[in-house]
Structures are given as C-alpha cells and as structure tokens.
Amino acid sequence: MDGTKPNKPLYIALAILIACALWLYVRSVDTQDRTLTISRIPVTFVGEDVLNNNGFMLSGDQSQTVNLTVQGRWGIISQLRRDNIAIQVDLSSITAEGEYSRAYDIAWPGNISASSFALVNREPFYVPVTVVKRVSKEVEVRGVFLGSVADGYQSGAFTFQPDRVTVSGPEDVVDPIAYAQVTLNRDGLTDTVREDTPYVLINYDGETVTDPALKSEPAQVGVTMPVTHAREIPLTVDFLPGGGISGGEDDHLTWTIEPSSVTIAGTESDLDAYGDAISVATIDLAKTSLPFETEFTIPLGEEVENLTGTTKAQVKLSASGLEVREFTTGNIELVNSPADIHVSVVTQSVTVQVRGTAEALDQIMPQQNLQVRVDLADLSAIPDGQSPVPAAVSVLGVDGAGVIGDGYTVTIIASGAGQIGGGT
C-alpha cells in the first residue's frame, strides 16, 4: 500500500450523481400508471365581494382543504403539489342565508395538461359553506390608562382620530359590541403620548370579542393622551394705595382670599408665565369703602387646565384703627386752562370723605390740607356754558389719611372757543 488515504468527499459526490442519473433513467422509461394523493390543498373563496355587497358573508371555518387523488405516469403526476394546485369556490351566486354544499373548480399547473392524467377521487366532493346576514355599525373608541405619570405631572383625557370605528360581521356577533378599547400601559410619563395603536372590541358585558368573522376599520386609531405638569400657585390681590392705607401690607388692612391657591396643569413654559402668584384683581383703596367683599374671576387662559375646578375667588377686606370723617373745603383750583377760553368756577365748596387714623384726621384743616383740583387738560371737550367736570381731591401735609370715594365734581362755566383739547 502506498499510504494514500481515500478521498471520501469525492466518492460521496460521485454516488449522488450516479443515483440521480439512475432515477432520471427509471423515470424516463417508466410507462406504468401510478396513483398519487395530494392532501390538504387549501380552498380559496371567490366572489366574496359580491356576497358582501348583497348583505351577506361567510361564517364558520374558512380554512378548509381538499384531498385529490390522481392517476398517471409518474413523470407527470409527481409534478403535482399542494402549492401549485388551486381549489376555488364561487360565492357570487348565493343570495340568501343558509348552509350550502358548493362544487369547486380545480386549476392545475399551467405546464401540465389535464388530459395527461386522470382525477380518480376528490374528498370532499363538495365544500360546505355557511352564509349569514352581514351587518355593520359604528362604535365609539374609549381609552384605558393602566400606567402612571411622574411626580408632579397630570394625565388628561384621551382623544382619538377617528373617534369611532366601523365593525362588520354576523348580526349576532356585531350587535352585542358596545365600544372599541385602546389600552395605554406606560409608567413614569412626562410627555404627551401621541401614537397609532390597535384596539380591542368590547361587548356590553365588558368582555373582549375576538370572533374571526368580525372585521373592523380602520385597524388602528390615532391616540393622544396629554401629560402636563401640575403646579399649585397662590392667589393674591394687587392694591393701589389710597384712603389712608399704604397697600396690602398696611397694618390697618386685613384681607383674605378664598381659595388661597389653585392647582393648574400645562407645559412648563405655560406654567412659568403665571409666575409665583396669580393676581385676581387690582383694588384701588382710595375708591373702596371698607369693609368690602366681592368675587373675582380667576384669570386663567385656555392653555392651562384648572385642576382645582374653582373659577372664582372670594376677596374680603376690613380695616382696623381707622376712621372716616367728612370735611368741606373751598380750596378749589383750576389748572391747564386754555388761553383762548374763559373758565370760571361755580362750585364754592366740596364735601369729601377722608379715612385715616384719629390722630391724622385731627390734624386736617380743610382749607389748607384738602385740595380740589380740576385739570382742564384732561378734558376732551367742554361745551360753552355751565357743566360739571371731574375733580381730584387730595390730602396735603398729613400722613396716615387719604380721601376715599370717586365721582367728585366741580361745576364750571366756559365761554370762548367752545372746546378744550379738540378742534372746532
């Protein structure tokens, strides 16, 4: 022996080639008829669109199969397979509900003549078909949130696009369906959810409906669930000093607001726009008699959601250590009178109310410390003749006291051009 090892891969390849050649030879000279059964050939239903247009549909098992037995030369029938034979059942002629046994058509492969072999058996001979009434209805889409949002955030109501889906199928299956449900399961959300998602159909008993005969459109819906930041913001009131009170921090003034805060939800930028507090009103203390109580609307824009739900705030003001007295003064002054108009004052004295501490009020000398001032430059027009005009009254040289009320007037007589601060 020369020690050379046999080449096993070469021998294996040669053996395969010889076996194939022998098989081809036997096939070419085999003229005897043989029998072959092709099993589980799937059935295809055609004309279903016509059936649906007539208000009907297939019900039950639609994944049916047929077994075919053929006879012929092996070289021909061996080419027949489950995947190159088509079994078709035409439904277009069915016009009523019921159970049918339908004949089917067999489409053989295009490269094999049907006359070159014989069909000796088919099982089943007919395909059973159940046809039921087809109905459609629209149901609303609802959402269920099973997750959570991050601390300080708030989830809002679902919106859907579209907000209704069309369900079609057998009448006894469609009728019990109540709605379509989208389930969102996320944890620690900090941003609004926007996505397309599938849904399930729920019946009136709250059970999921999964009948294969059901069809629903569209297959998915657009879901939006807002997630916003929530923040509690105090409510406050702005005060214009006057009437002997320096402002909201004055020890003589006591004020409350109820509720004292609101919780709102929105984006960070929207919430930041409201700052550290929300002022419900600006109160001019010079024009406000105390005690005072009223409601103000809480000024919130549509860009935020009021989670508290309260839309109005009750504001109460009261004073302590202050008195109100009346004084009459004849210290009336006209200022900014136009050169071409003659104005004279008819009113000789004005009675005003002054609020302040007793010590401050005791110091007031009406002719020296109270001034009634009529600024003619502030008037848009004055007709010739006698007319009342607004007047501003102030306390001069006395701390802790101020005029309250508005609507003080002084009657004047104007003659000349007939107008102040305007054209002819």
Protein backbone atom coordinates (compact mmCIF):
# COMPACT_ATOMS: atom_id res chain seq x y z
CA MET A 1 0.00 0.00 0.00
CA ASP A 2 1.22 3.48 -0.82
CA GLY A 3 -0.46 5.00 2.28
CA THR A 4 -2.69 7.33 0.28
CA LYS A 5 -6.00 7.98 2.08
CA PRO A 6 -9.23 7.55 0.06
CA ASN A 7 -10.96 10.81 -0.97
CA LYS A 8 -14.34 10.33 0.78
CA PRO A 9 -16.00 13.64 -0.31
CA LEU A 10 -15.29 12.78 -3.94
CA TYR A 11 -16.80 9.32 -3.55
CA ILE A 12 -19.94 10.80 -1.92
CA ALA A 13 -20.43 13.30 -4.76
CA LEU A 14 -19.99 10.60 -7.37
CA ALA A 15 -22.52 8.40 -5.59
CA ILE A 16 -25.10 11.19 -5.61
CA LEU A 17 -24.60 11.88 -9.31
CA ILE A 18 -24.96 8.19 -10.15
CA ALA A 19 -28.16 7.92 -8.06
CA CYS A 20 -29.69 10.97 -9.81
CA ALA A 21 -28.82 9.58 -13.21
CA LEU A 22 -30.40 6.25 -12.37
CA TRP A 23 -33.56 8.00 -11.07
CA LEU A 24 -33.89 10.05 -14.24
CA TYR A 25 -33.42 6.96 -16.36
CA VAL A 26 -36.04 4.97 -14.48
CA ARG A 27 -38.43 7.91 -14.71
CA SER A 28 -37.94 8.20 -18.47
CA VAL A 29 -38.62 4.54 -19.14
CA ASP A 30 -41.41 4.12 -16.52
CA THR A 31 -44.63 3.90 -18.56
CA GLN A 32 -46.85 2.31 -15.91
CA ASP A 33 -49.69 4.36 -14.35
CA ARG A 34 -49.34 5.20 -10.73
CA THR A 35 -51.64 6.73 -8.14
CA LEU A 36 -50.84 9.84 -6.05
CA THR A 37 -52.91 11.62 -3.37
CA ILE A 38 -52.24 15.32 -2.82
CA SER A 39 -53.57 16.19 0.64
CA ARG A 40 -54.71 19.39 2.39
CA ILE A 41 -54.94 21.63 -0.66
CA PRO A 42 -56.37 24.95 0.66
CA VAL A 43 -59.73 26.19 -0.60
CA THR A 44 -59.96 29.75 -1.94
CA PHE A 45 -63.33 31.53 -1.96
CA VAL A 46 -64.02 33.89 -4.84
CA GLY A 47 -66.95 36.24 -5.39
CA GLU A 48 -66.97 37.18 -1.70
CA ASP A 49 -67.19 40.88 -2.58
CA VAL A 50 -70.47 40.19 -4.45
CA LEU A 51 -71.73 38.26 -1.43
CA ASN A 52 -70.86 41.18 0.88
CA ASN A 53 -72.49 43.71 -1.43
CA ASN A 54 -75.69 41.67 -1.20
CA GLY A 55 -75.56 41.98 2.61
CA PHE A 56 -74.23 38.52 3.40
CA MET A 57 -70.95 36.95 4.45
CA LEU A 58 -69.28 33.63 5.12
CA SER A 59 -69.46 32.26 8.63
CA GLY A 60 -67.60 29.48 10.39
CA ASP A 61 -64.36 27.81 9.36
CA GLN A 62 -62.97 29.32 6.18
CA SER A 63 -59.63 27.47 6.25
CA GLN A 64 -60.95 24.37 4.52
CA THR A 65 -58.88 21.91 2.49
CA VAL A 66 -59.43 19.26 -0.19
CA ASN A 67 -57.65 15.98 -0.93
CA LEU A 68 -57.23 14.95 -4.59
CA THR A 69 -56.16 11.53 -5.90
CA VAL A 70 -54.74 11.38 -9.43
CA GLN A 71 -53.50 8.54 -11.66
CA GLY A 72 -50.97 8.67 -14.48
CA ARG A 73 -47.36 8.32 -15.42
CA TRP A 74 -45.10 9.09 -12.52
CA GLY A 75 -43.11 11.56 -14.57
CA ILE A 76 -46.27 13.71 -14.84
CA ILE A 77 -48.20 13.29 -11.59
CA SER A 78 -45.07 13.66 -9.48
CA GLN A 79 -45.08 17.34 -10.53
CA LEU A 80 -48.43 17.96 -8.82
CA ARG A 81 -48.10 19.55 -5.39
CA ARG A 82 -50.26 21.26 -2.82
CA ASP A 83 -48.77 24.66 -3.66
CA ASN A 84 -49.35 24.53 -7.45
CA ILE A 85 -52.97 23.38 -7.44
CA ALA A 86 -55.75 25.93 -6.82
CA ILE A 87 -59.18 25.00 -5.39
CA GLN A 88 -61.78 27.74 -5.90
CA VAL A 89 -65.36 28.03 -4.66
CA ASP A 90 -67.50 30.74 -6.28
CA LEU A 91 -69.86 32.51 -3.86
CA SER A 92 -71.25 35.17 -6.20
CA SER A 93 -74.46 33.32 -6.98
CA ILE A 94 -75.57 32.96 -3.32
CA THR A 95 -78.38 35.41 -2.49
CA ALA A 96 -79.75 34.18 0.86
CA GLU A 97 -78.69 32.98 4.28
CA GLY A 98 -78.23 29.28 4.79
CA GLU A 99 -75.93 26.27 4.64
CA TYR A 100 -74.73 25.21 1.20
CA SER A 101 -72.65 22.46 -0.38
CA ARG A 102 -70.75 24.07 -3.21
CA ALA A 103 -68.88 22.45 -6.04
CA TYR A 104 -65.36 23.71 -6.59
CA ASP A 105 -63.12 24.31 -9.57
CA ILE A 106 -59.64 22.83 -9.80
CA ALA A 107 -56.90 24.82 -11.50
CA TRP A 108 -53.98 22.53 -12.40
CA PRO A 109 -50.45 23.86 -13.00
CA GLY A 110 -50.15 25.61 -16.36
CA ASN A 111 -47.29 23.38 -17.54
CA ILE A 112 -49.27 20.14 -17.08
CA SER A 113 -52.15 19.18 -19.35
CA ALA A 114 -55.23 17.91 -17.53
CA SER A 115 -55.59 15.25 -20.23
CA SER A 116 -52.24 13.68 -19.36
CA PHE A 117 -53.53 12.15 -16.13
CA ALA A 118 -56.83 11.14 -14.54
CA LEU A 119 -58.54 12.54 -11.45
CA VAL A 120 -59.78 9.39 -9.71
CA ASN A 121 -61.04 10.82 -6.41
CA ARG A 122 -61.75 14.06 -4.60
CA GLU A 123 -62.53 14.41 -0.92
CA PRO A 124 -64.78 16.09 -0.07
CA PHE A 125 -66.77 16.22 -3.27
CA TYR A 126 -68.47 19.45 -2.17
CA VAL A 127 -67.28 22.20 0.16
CA PRO A 128 -69.71 23.11 2.96
CA VAL A 129 -70.44 26.85 3.13
CA THR A 130 -72.45 28.73 5.75
CA VAL A 131 -73.76 32.16 4.76
CA VAL A 132 -75.19 34.60 7.30
CA LYS A 133 -76.53 38.14 7.22
CA ARG A 134 -73.77 40.73 7.33
CA VAL A 135 -74.34 43.93 9.37
CA SER A 136 -72.21 46.96 10.13
CA LYS A 137 -72.29 49.58 12.85
CA GLU A 138 -70.10 52.33 14.26
CA VAL A 139 -68.90 52.18 17.87
CA GLU A 140 -67.06 54.79 19.87
CA VAL A 141 -63.42 54.47 20.86
CA ARG A 142 -62.55 54.61 24.55
CA GLY A 143 -59.21 54.65 26.32
CA VAL A 144 -57.88 52.99 29.46
CA PHE A 145 -54.66 54.20 31.11
CA LEU A 146 -53.06 51.49 33.24
CA GLY A 147 -49.69 53.16 33.78
CA SER A 148 -48.52 56.16 35.74
CA VAL A 149 -47.15 59.66 35.32
CA ALA A 150 -44.09 61.08 37.03
CA ASP A 151 -44.42 63.01 40.28
CA GLY A 152 -45.82 66.47 39.69
CA TYR A 153 -47.42 65.54 36.37
CA GLN A 154 -51.05 65.08 35.37
CA SER A 155 -52.61 62.87 32.68
CA GLY A 156 -55.52 64.28 30.70
CA ALA A 157 -58.44 62.86 28.78
CA PHE A 158 -57.88 60.66 25.72
CA THR A 159 -58.68 61.91 22.25
CA PHE A 160 -58.86 59.67 19.19
CA GLN A 161 -58.62 60.08 15.44
CA PRO A 162 -61.03 58.77 14.32
CA ASP A 163 -63.14 58.61 17.47
CA ARG A 164 -65.41 55.89 16.03
CA VAL A 165 -64.67 52.65 14.16
CA THR A 166 -66.86 50.57 11.85
CA VAL A 167 -67.46 46.95 12.84
CA SER A 168 -68.98 44.44 10.43
CA GLY A 169 -69.77 40.76 10.66
CA PRO A 170 -72.57 38.34 11.56
CA GLU A 171 -75.52 40.09 13.13
CA ASP A 172 -75.45 38.02 16.31
CA VAL A 173 -71.80 38.85 16.82
CA VAL A 174 -71.90 42.55 15.92
CA ASP A 175 -75.00 43.56 17.89
CA PRO A 176 -73.51 42.92 21.38
CA ILE A 177 -70.42 45.07 20.68
CA ALA A 178 -70.51 48.25 22.78
CA TYR A 179 -67.23 50.03 22.03
CA ALA A 180 -63.61 49.75 20.93
CA GLN A 181 -61.00 49.99 23.67
CA VAL A 182 -57.45 51.29 23.48
CA THR A 183 -55.22 50.39 26.44
CA LEU A 184 -52.16 52.51 27.25
CA ASN A 185 -49.71 50.98 29.71
CA ARG A 186 -46.73 53.24 30.40
CA ASP A 187 -45.00 54.23 33.64
CA GLY A 188 -43.37 57.49 34.67
CA LEU A 189 -44.76 59.55 31.79
CA THR A 190 -43.61 63.16 31.50
CA ASP A 191 -44.66 63.93 27.91
CA THR A 192 -47.92 63.80 25.99
CA VAL A 193 -48.47 60.44 24.24
CA ARG A 194 -49.27 60.55 20.53
CA GLU A 195 -49.27 57.29 18.59
CA ASP A 196 -51.24 54.95 16.32
CA THR A 197 -52.35 51.86 18.16
CA PRO A 198 -54.64 48.84 17.69
CA TYR A 199 -57.74 48.30 19.78
CA VAL A 200 -59.99 45.50 21.00
CA LEU A 201 -63.76 45.24 20.75
CA ILE A 202 -65.73 45.10 24.00
CA ASN A 203 -69.33 43.87 24.41
CA TYR A 204 -71.96 45.22 26.80
CA ASP A 205 -70.83 42.78 29.48
CA GLY A 206 -67.33 44.24 29.41
CA GLU A 207 -65.85 41.17 27.70
CA THR A 208 -63.43 41.17 24.79
CA VAL A 209 -64.90 39.98 21.47
CA THR A 210 -62.46 38.04 19.27
CA ASP A 211 -64.69 36.30 16.71
CA PRO A 212 -62.68 35.72 13.49
CA ALA A 213 -65.75 36.64 11.42
CA LEU A 214 -65.53 40.24 12.63
CA LYS A 215 -63.94 42.95 10.58
CA SER A 216 -63.26 46.47 11.80
CA GLU A 217 -61.96 49.57 10.07
CA PRO A 218 -59.56 51.20 10.48
CA ALA A 219 -57.26 48.64 12.05
CA GLN A 220 -55.59 51.31 14.20
CA VAL A 221 -56.58 54.68 15.63
CA GLY A 222 -54.52 57.73 16.45
CA VAL A 223 -54.36 58.16 20.23
CA THR A 224 -53.44 61.33 22.12
CA MET A 225 -53.23 61.44 25.91
CA PRO A 226 -51.97 64.77 27.25
CA VAL A 227 -49.43 64.64 30.06
CA THR A 228 -48.91 68.01 31.69
CA HIS A 229 -47.04 69.39 34.67
CA ALA A 230 -49.20 70.28 37.67
CA ARG A 231 -48.38 73.20 39.94
CA GLU A 232 -50.09 74.88 42.89
CA ILE A 233 -49.95 78.66 42.54
CA PRO A 234 -51.07 81.10 45.27
CA LEU A 235 -53.83 83.62 44.57
CA THR A 236 -53.32 87.24 45.51
CA VAL A 237 -54.72 90.76 45.08
CA ASP A 238 -52.86 93.89 43.96
CA PHE A 239 -53.62 97.10 45.87
CA LEU A 240 -53.32 100.70 44.81
CA PRO A 241 -52.58 102.77 47.95
CA GLY A 242 -55.09 105.42 48.99
CA GLY A 243 -57.71 106.38 51.53
CA GLY A 244 -55.17 106.39 54.34
CA ILE A 245 -53.92 102.84 53.57
CA SER A 246 -50.46 102.34 52.09
CA GLY A 247 -51.22 98.97 50.47
CA GLY A 248 -51.78 95.30 51.14
CA GLU A 249 -49.05 95.17 53.80
CA ASP A 250 -50.51 98.04 55.81
CA ASP A 251 -51.15 97.00 59.42
CA HIS A 252 -54.55 98.69 59.32
CA LEU A 253 -55.76 96.49 56.46
CA THR A 254 -56.86 92.88 56.86
CA TRP A 255 -57.69 90.93 53.74
CA THR A 256 -58.37 87.32 52.81
CA ILE A 257 -58.84 85.41 49.57
CA GLU A 258 -60.61 82.07 49.24
CA PRO A 259 -59.41 79.78 47.78
CA SER A 260 -55.88 80.86 48.59
CA SER A 261 -54.41 78.91 45.68
CA VAL A 262 -55.25 76.91 42.57
CA THR A 263 -53.58 73.90 41.03
CA ILE A 264 -53.16 74.18 37.29
CA ALA A 265 -51.67 71.87 34.68
CA GLY A 266 -49.86 72.75 31.48
CA THR A 267 -46.45 72.83 29.88
CA GLU A 268 -43.54 74.19 31.86
CA SER A 269 -43.47 77.40 29.81
CA ASP A 270 -47.22 77.92 30.21
CA LEU A 271 -46.98 77.48 33.98
CA ASP A 272 -43.93 79.74 34.23
CA ALA A 273 -45.90 82.53 32.56
CA TYR A 274 -48.09 82.76 35.70
CA GLY A 275 -45.07 83.46 37.91
CA ASP A 276 -45.10 82.95 41.67
CA ALA A 277 -48.71 84.09 42.18
CA ILE A 278 -51.88 84.86 40.24
CA SER A 279 -53.49 88.24 40.91
CA VAL A 280 -57.27 88.05 40.64
CA ALA A 281 -57.83 91.84 40.77
CA THR A 282 -56.32 95.27 41.34
CA ILE A 283 -58.18 97.15 44.07
CA ASP A 284 -57.89 100.91 44.34
CA LEU A 285 -58.05 101.53 48.08
CA ALA A 286 -58.90 105.18 47.56
CA LYS A 287 -62.12 104.15 45.81
CA THR A 288 -63.05 101.28 48.13
CA SER A 289 -65.17 101.59 51.23
CA LEU A 290 -64.42 99.13 53.99
CA PRO A 291 -65.48 96.52 54.88
CA PHE A 292 -65.53 95.18 51.33
CA GLU A 293 -66.45 91.75 49.96
CA THR A 294 -66.83 90.52 46.37
CA GLU A 295 -65.98 87.70 43.94
CA PHE A 296 -63.41 87.91 41.18
CA THR A 297 -62.91 85.50 38.28
CA ILE A 298 -59.57 83.70 38.48
CA PRO A 299 -57.76 84.76 35.28
CA LEU A 300 -56.62 81.53 33.63
CA GLY A 301 -56.03 81.04 29.91
CA GLU A 302 -57.13 78.13 27.76
CA GLU A 303 -53.54 76.88 27.53
CA VAL A 304 -53.74 75.52 31.09
CA GLU A 305 -56.20 73.26 32.89
CA ASN A 306 -57.70 74.28 36.21
CA LEU A 307 -57.39 71.09 38.26
CA THR A 308 -58.91 72.71 41.34
CA GLY A 309 -62.11 73.40 39.43
CA THR A 310 -62.89 76.66 41.22
CA THR A 311 -63.25 79.56 38.77
CA LYS A 312 -63.91 82.43 41.21
CA ALA A 313 -62.16 83.75 44.31
CA GLN A 314 -63.90 85.48 47.25
CA VAL A 315 -61.99 88.56 48.47
CA LYS A 316 -62.76 90.24 51.81
CA LEU A 317 -61.23 93.50 53.12
CA SER A 318 -61.61 95.13 56.51
CA ALA A 319 -59.86 97.94 58.36
CA SER A 320 -58.93 98.47 61.98
CA GLY A 321 -57.74 101.61 63.75
CA LEU A 322 -59.12 103.88 61.04
CA GLU A 323 -61.99 106.34 60.97
CA VAL A 324 -63.92 108.06 58.20
CA ARG A 325 -64.83 111.72 58.52
CA GLU A 326 -66.39 114.28 56.22
CA PHE A 327 -64.72 117.61 55.52
CA THR A 328 -65.86 120.55 53.44
CA THR A 329 -63.28 122.64 51.66
CA GLY A 330 -63.38 125.59 49.33
CA ASN A 331 -59.77 125.10 48.21
CA ILE A 332 -60.64 124.58 44.53
CA GLU A 333 -58.01 125.05 41.83
CA LEU A 334 -58.23 125.05 38.01
CA VAL A 335 -55.06 124.12 36.15
CA ASN A 336 -54.07 123.99 32.47
CA SER A 337 -56.86 126.33 31.33
CA PRO A 338 -56.52 127.13 27.60
CA ALA A 339 -55.62 130.74 26.87
CA ASP A 340 -58.47 131.28 24.39
CA ILE A 341 -61.22 130.01 26.71
CA HIS A 342 -62.53 131.74 29.78
CA VAL A 343 -63.45 129.34 32.59
CA SER A 344 -64.98 130.31 35.93
CA VAL A 345 -65.87 128.10 38.89
CA VAL A 346 -69.47 127.93 40.04
CA THR A 347 -68.93 125.47 42.91
CA GLN A 348 -67.76 127.20 46.07
CA SER A 349 -67.09 124.17 48.25
CA VAL A 350 -66.82 120.39 48.04
CA THR A 351 -67.60 117.90 50.81
CA VAL A 352 -65.27 114.89 50.82
CA GLN A 353 -64.74 111.77 52.88
CA VAL A 354 -61.35 111.17 54.42
CA ARG A 355 -60.19 107.93 56.02
CA GLY A 356 -57.31 107.69 58.43
CA THR A 357 -56.21 107.35 61.99
CA ALA A 358 -57.85 109.60 64.54
CA GLU A 359 -54.57 111.40 65.08
CA ALA A 360 -54.19 112.11 61.35
CA LEU A 361 -57.79 113.24 60.91
CA ASP A 362 -57.45 115.62 63.88
CA GLN A 363 -54.63 117.38 62.05
CA ILE A 364 -56.63 118.15 58.92
CA MET A 365 -57.50 121.78 58.33
CA PRO A 366 -59.86 121.68 55.32
CA GLN A 367 -58.74 124.91 53.64
CA GLN A 368 -55.06 124.07 53.99
CA ASN A 369 -54.81 120.28 53.88
CA LEU A 370 -57.53 119.40 51.35
CA GLN A 371 -57.18 120.36 47.72
CA VAL A 372 -59.78 120.03 44.97
CA ARG A 373 -58.01 120.11 41.62
CA VAL A 374 -59.61 120.36 38.17
CA ASP A 375 -57.15 119.65 35.35
CA LEU A 376 -58.68 121.07 32.17
CA ALA A 377 -56.00 119.39 30.04
CA ASP A 378 -57.53 116.03 30.93
CA LEU A 379 -60.86 117.01 29.36
CA SER A 380 -61.50 116.13 25.72
CA ALA A 381 -64.18 118.78 25.19
CA ILE A 382 -66.34 121.18 27.15
CA PRO A 383 -69.35 122.89 25.64
CA ASP A 384 -69.89 126.59 26.15
CA GLY A 385 -71.91 127.31 29.25
CA GLN A 386 -72.24 125.62 32.61
CA SER A 387 -71.27 121.96 33.11
CA PRO A 388 -69.92 119.62 35.83
CA VAL A 389 -66.35 118.36 35.38
CA PRO A 390 -64.39 115.70 37.28
CA ALA A 391 -62.21 116.81 40.16
CA ALA A 392 -59.37 115.12 42.04
CA VAL A 393 -59.24 115.65 45.81
CA SER A 394 -56.09 115.02 47.82
CA VAL A 395 -54.82 115.41 51.38
CA LEU A 396 -51.75 117.61 51.67
CA GLY A 397 -49.22 117.62 54.50
CA VAL A 398 -50.86 114.97 56.69
CA ASP A 399 -49.62 111.38 56.86
CA GLY A 400 -51.92 108.49 57.65
CA ALA A 401 -55.05 109.90 55.97
CA GLY A 402 -56.48 109.90 52.48
CA VAL A 403 -59.59 110.78 50.51
CA ILE A 404 -61.90 107.90 49.71
CA GLY A 405 -64.54 107.55 47.02
CA ASP A 406 -64.63 108.90 43.50
CA GLY A 407 -67.02 110.88 41.38
CA TYR A 408 -66.19 114.25 42.90
CA THR A 409 -67.17 117.05 40.51
CA VAL A 410 -66.95 120.80 40.25
CA THR A 411 -69.35 122.91 38.18
CA ILE A 412 -67.71 125.45 35.85
CA ILE A 413 -68.80 127.94 33.20
CA ALA A 414 -66.81 128.02 29.95
CA SER A 415 -67.04 130.61 27.22
CA GLY A 416 -64.97 131.32 24.13
CA ALA A 417 -63.92 128.64 21.64
CA GLY A 418 -66.45 126.08 22.91
CA GLN A 419 -63.90 123.25 23.11
CA ILE A 420 -60.88 122.27 25.18
CA GLY A 421 -58.31 119.88 23.79
CA GLY A 422 -60.07 119.37 20.42
CA GLY A 423 -60.97 121.00 17.12
CA THR A 424 -63.98 123.21 16.41
